[in-house]
Protein backbone atom coordinates (compact mmCIF):
# COMPACT_ATOMS: atom_id res chain seq x y z
CA MET A 1 76.89 89.57 134.39
CA LYS A 2 79.28 89.26 131.48
CA LYS A 3 76.36 88.89 129.08
CA ILE A 4 74.85 92.08 130.49
CA LEU A 5 78.09 93.98 129.95
CA ILE A 6 78.45 92.70 126.40
CA ALA A 7 74.88 93.77 125.66
CA LEU A 8 75.58 97.22 127.07
CA SER A 9 78.73 97.43 124.96
CA VAL A 10 76.70 96.78 121.83
CA ILE A 11 74.24 99.49 122.83
CA VAL A 12 77.03 102.00 123.36
CA LEU A 13 78.77 101.19 120.09
CA LEU A 14 75.57 101.26 118.09
CA GLY A 15 74.43 104.31 120.02
CA CYS A 16 70.94 105.54 120.62
CA SER A 17 68.72 107.34 118.12
CA ASP A 18 71.06 106.22 115.32
CA LYS A 19 74.04 107.94 116.95
CA SER A 20 77.25 106.30 118.12
CA VAL A 21 79.85 106.80 120.82
CA LEU A 22 83.45 105.70 120.28
CA LEU A 23 84.50 104.75 123.80
CA PRO A 24 87.99 105.52 125.08
CA GLU A 25 90.25 102.47 125.31
CA VAL A 26 92.17 101.30 128.38
CA GLU A 27 93.98 98.16 129.50
CA ASN A 28 93.44 96.28 132.76
CA ALA A 29 90.69 98.45 134.21
CA THR A 30 90.34 98.06 137.98
CA ILE A 31 86.51 98.06 137.74
CA THR A 32 84.82 95.71 135.26
CA GLU A 33 81.39 94.96 136.77
CA ILE A 34 78.66 97.35 137.91
CA THR A 35 74.99 96.69 138.63
CA ASP A 36 71.96 98.97 139.03
CA VAL A 37 72.94 101.41 136.29
CA SER A 38 71.55 104.04 133.98
CA PRO A 39 73.43 105.62 131.06
CA ALA A 40 74.18 109.08 129.73
CA TYR A 41 75.81 109.76 126.36
CA ILE A 42 78.04 112.58 125.19
CA PHE A 43 78.19 112.29 121.40
CA TYR A 44 80.72 113.65 118.97
CA ASP A 45 78.59 115.54 116.44
CA GLU A 46 80.27 117.66 113.74
CA THR A 47 76.94 119.31 112.91
CA LYS A 48 76.81 121.01 116.32
CA PRO A 49 78.62 124.33 116.97
CA ASP A 50 80.76 122.74 119.70
CA SER A 51 80.79 119.26 118.07
CA LEU A 52 79.03 117.83 121.12
CA GLU A 53 75.60 116.55 122.03
CA LEU A 54 74.58 115.45 125.54
CA ASN A 55 71.84 112.86 126.02
CA LYS A 56 70.90 112.43 129.68
CA GLY A 57 67.27 111.42 129.30
CA ASN A 58 67.73 107.88 130.64
CA LEU A 59 69.41 108.83 133.93
CA ILE A 60 67.79 107.71 137.18
CA ILE A 61 69.12 109.64 140.18
CA SER A 62 69.22 106.66 142.58
CA THR A 63 71.31 104.44 140.26
CA ASN A 64 74.98 104.20 139.36
CA TRP A 65 75.55 106.42 136.34
CA LEU A 66 77.54 105.19 133.36
CA VAL A 67 78.69 108.21 131.38
CA ASN A 68 79.64 107.25 127.83
CA VAL A 69 81.86 109.93 126.30
CA ASP A 70 83.14 109.89 122.75
CA LYS A 71 86.93 109.63 122.87
CA ARG A 72 87.39 112.15 120.03
CA LEU A 73 86.11 115.06 122.11
CA THR A 74 88.47 117.34 124.05
CA LEU A 75 88.28 118.17 127.75
CA LYS A 76 87.27 121.71 126.80
CA GLN A 77 84.21 120.27 125.08
CA VAL A 78 83.38 117.57 127.62
CA ILE A 79 83.99 119.01 131.10
CA PRO A 80 81.07 121.51 131.15
CA SER A 81 78.64 118.65 130.44
CA ILE A 82 80.30 116.45 133.07
CA ILE A 83 79.96 119.23 135.66
CA GLU A 84 76.30 119.61 134.71
CA LEU A 85 75.69 115.89 135.28
CA GLN A 86 77.54 115.89 138.61
CA GLU A 87 75.54 118.83 139.89
CA LYS A 88 72.30 117.21 138.76
CA LYS A 89 72.93 114.24 141.08
CA ARG A 90 74.59 116.14 143.94
CA ASN A 91 71.72 118.60 144.20
CA SER A 92 68.91 116.05 143.92
CA SER A 93 66.78 115.18 146.94
CA HIS A 94 66.38 111.66 145.48
CA LYS A 95 70.08 110.79 145.35
CA LYS A 96 71.35 107.64 147.06
CA GLU A 97 74.67 108.00 148.87
CA SER A 98 75.92 104.64 147.62
CA ALA A 99 75.24 105.49 143.95
CA ARG A 100 78.41 106.32 142.01
CA ASN A 101 79.36 107.92 138.68
CA TYR A 102 81.58 106.07 136.20
CA TYR A 103 83.15 106.74 132.83
CA THR A 104 82.61 103.78 130.51
CA CYS A 105 85.66 102.46 128.66
CA ASN A 106 86.55 99.70 126.25
CA ASP A 107 88.98 97.45 128.13
CA THR A 108 91.07 95.91 125.37
CA SER A 109 92.68 93.40 127.76
CA ILE A 110 89.36 91.61 128.35
CA LYS A 111 87.54 92.72 125.18
CA ASN A 112 84.72 94.07 127.30
CA LEU A 113 83.75 97.14 129.26
CA GLY A 114 85.77 98.73 132.04
CA PHE A 115 84.84 101.67 134.26
CA ILE A 116 86.56 104.60 135.95
CA ASP A 117 84.92 106.09 139.05
CA PHE A 118 84.77 109.90 139.00
CA THR A 119 82.08 110.45 141.64
CA ASP A 120 84.27 112.49 143.97
CA VAL A 121 86.23 114.40 141.33
CA VAL A 122 85.66 118.15 141.40
CA TYR A 123 86.58 119.80 138.10
CA ILE A 124 87.88 123.37 138.30
CA GLN A 125 88.16 125.19 135.00
CA GLY A 126 90.88 127.81 134.78
CA GLY A 127 91.97 127.32 138.40
CA ASN A 128 95.58 126.99 139.47
CA GLU A 129 95.51 126.85 143.29
CA PHE A 130 96.69 123.86 145.26
CA ASP A 131 97.87 122.76 148.68
CA GLU A 132 101.41 123.85 149.57
CA LYS A 133 102.13 120.37 150.87
CA GLY A 134 101.34 118.77 147.55
CA TYR A 135 103.02 118.02 144.26
CA LYS A 136 101.43 119.19 141.05
CA LEU A 137 101.46 117.04 137.93
CA ILE A 138 100.76 119.18 134.87
CA VAL A 139 99.76 117.58 131.59
CA LYS A 140 100.94 120.44 129.38
CA GLU A 141 100.04 118.65 126.18
CA LYS A 142 100.04 115.10 124.90
CA ASP A 143 103.16 113.25 126.12
CA SER A 144 104.42 116.30 128.06
CA PHE A 145 104.35 116.01 131.86
CA LEU A 146 105.79 118.50 134.35
CA ILE A 147 105.81 117.87 138.10
CA TYR A 148 106.82 120.36 140.76
CA ARG A 149 106.25 121.35 144.37
CA PRO A 150 104.94 124.82 145.30
CA ASN A 151 107.52 127.41 146.43
CA ASN A 152 110.13 125.45 144.51
CA ASP A 153 111.32 126.78 141.16
CA ASP A 154 112.71 123.41 140.09
CA GLY A 155 110.31 121.31 138.04
CA PHE A 156 110.93 117.99 136.34
CA PHE A 157 109.66 116.71 133.03
CA LEU A 158 108.66 113.05 133.24
CA ASP A 159 109.12 110.46 130.53
CA SER A 160 105.73 109.61 129.03
CA GLU A 161 106.82 106.11 128.05
CA ASN A 162 107.31 105.16 131.69
CA LEU A 163 105.11 107.73 133.40
CA ILE A 164 103.90 105.61 136.31
CA THR A 165 107.37 104.22 137.08
CA ASN A 166 108.92 107.71 136.88
CA LEU A 167 106.17 109.24 139.01
CA LYS A 168 106.39 106.50 141.62
CA GLU A 169 110.15 106.95 141.93
CA PHE A 170 109.73 110.72 142.24
CA LEU A 171 107.09 110.50 144.97
CA ASP A 172 108.87 107.71 146.85
CA GLU A 173 111.78 110.08 147.50
CA SER A 174 109.67 111.84 150.13
CA GLU A 175 109.04 110.13 153.46
CA LEU A 176 106.23 112.56 154.28
CA PRO A 177 102.60 112.09 153.16
CA ASN A 178 102.15 113.56 149.70
CA LEU A 179 99.20 115.08 147.93
CA LEU A 180 99.24 114.77 144.14
CA VAL A 181 97.27 117.48 142.34
CA LEU A 182 96.35 116.91 138.69
CA SER A 183 96.18 119.69 136.12
CA PHE A 184 95.18 119.00 132.50
CA ASN A 185 95.44 121.01 129.31
CA GLU A 186 91.87 121.49 128.09
CA ASN A 187 92.92 120.63 124.51
CA ILE A 188 93.89 117.01 125.17
CA SER A 189 91.43 114.40 123.93
CA PHE A 190 89.11 112.54 126.26
CA GLN A 191 90.85 109.35 125.12
CA TYR A 192 94.17 110.67 126.38
CA TYR A 193 92.66 111.90 129.64
CA ILE A 194 91.07 108.52 130.38
CA SER A 195 94.25 106.62 129.55
CA LEU A 196 96.14 108.81 132.04
CA LYS A 197 93.49 108.39 134.72
CA SER A 198 93.61 104.64 134.25
CA LYS A 199 97.41 104.61 134.61
CA LEU A 200 97.32 106.84 137.68
CA SER A 201 94.91 104.45 139.37
CA GLN A 202 97.78 101.94 139.33
CA LEU A 203 100.07 104.09 141.51
CA ASN A 204 99.00 102.59 144.87
CA LEU A 205 101.46 104.64 146.90
CA GLU A 206 101.06 104.39 150.66
CA ASN A 207 102.37 107.91 151.24
CA THR A 208 100.49 109.62 148.40
CA THR A 209 96.86 110.48 147.78
CA ILE A 210 95.43 112.05 144.63
CA ASN A 211 93.52 115.26 145.24
CA LYS A 212 89.82 115.12 144.36
CA GLU A 213 90.07 118.53 142.68
CA GLU A 214 91.32 118.42 139.10
CA TYR A 215 92.27 121.60 137.26
CA ILE A 216 91.51 122.17 133.59
CA PHE A 217 93.59 124.98 132.07
CA ASN A 218 93.83 126.57 128.63
């Protein structure tokens, strides 16, 4: 399996049709092996009006999808293509319930590929609604995090250097089940988004779940 992943890594880095994808980097990915896959590529291309090119020609509906996104792109550029891919599988009569969607990453801790599952994520562009029982973590810009609870004017900025520790301490203060809603500035890079998602996967709080809906704001 390791040889297969290394081979796939070479394909991603070299790209297809003489194009290349610079994968986002993470450390200690929770998923490092996937079988029965087909790839899609979202290239960074300065010659395009939106600097983006989507190649989805190799996708097979019944397989696990590996979506390779160039880390230099912003969420504003990437999310519409991601939504398009999600809807393509969700609306297909040939989909297999067990087939998942993953972002492909370069896991620097193992010098191989890692993967982040986004099958159940629902991206909402411009939305700002969320459950009154939840907490909202807003990524205002790079290294700027604000967390607050609805109907409460008091918000707290969290230290980016120790985000997971700070967030865990904040959420542990409540004995009730918590819902954590994520809201991202559309101008952050895909690299930064993936690094945050990877860190948040390490929370493992018994009293907290992360909402499947993610908001992308301008």
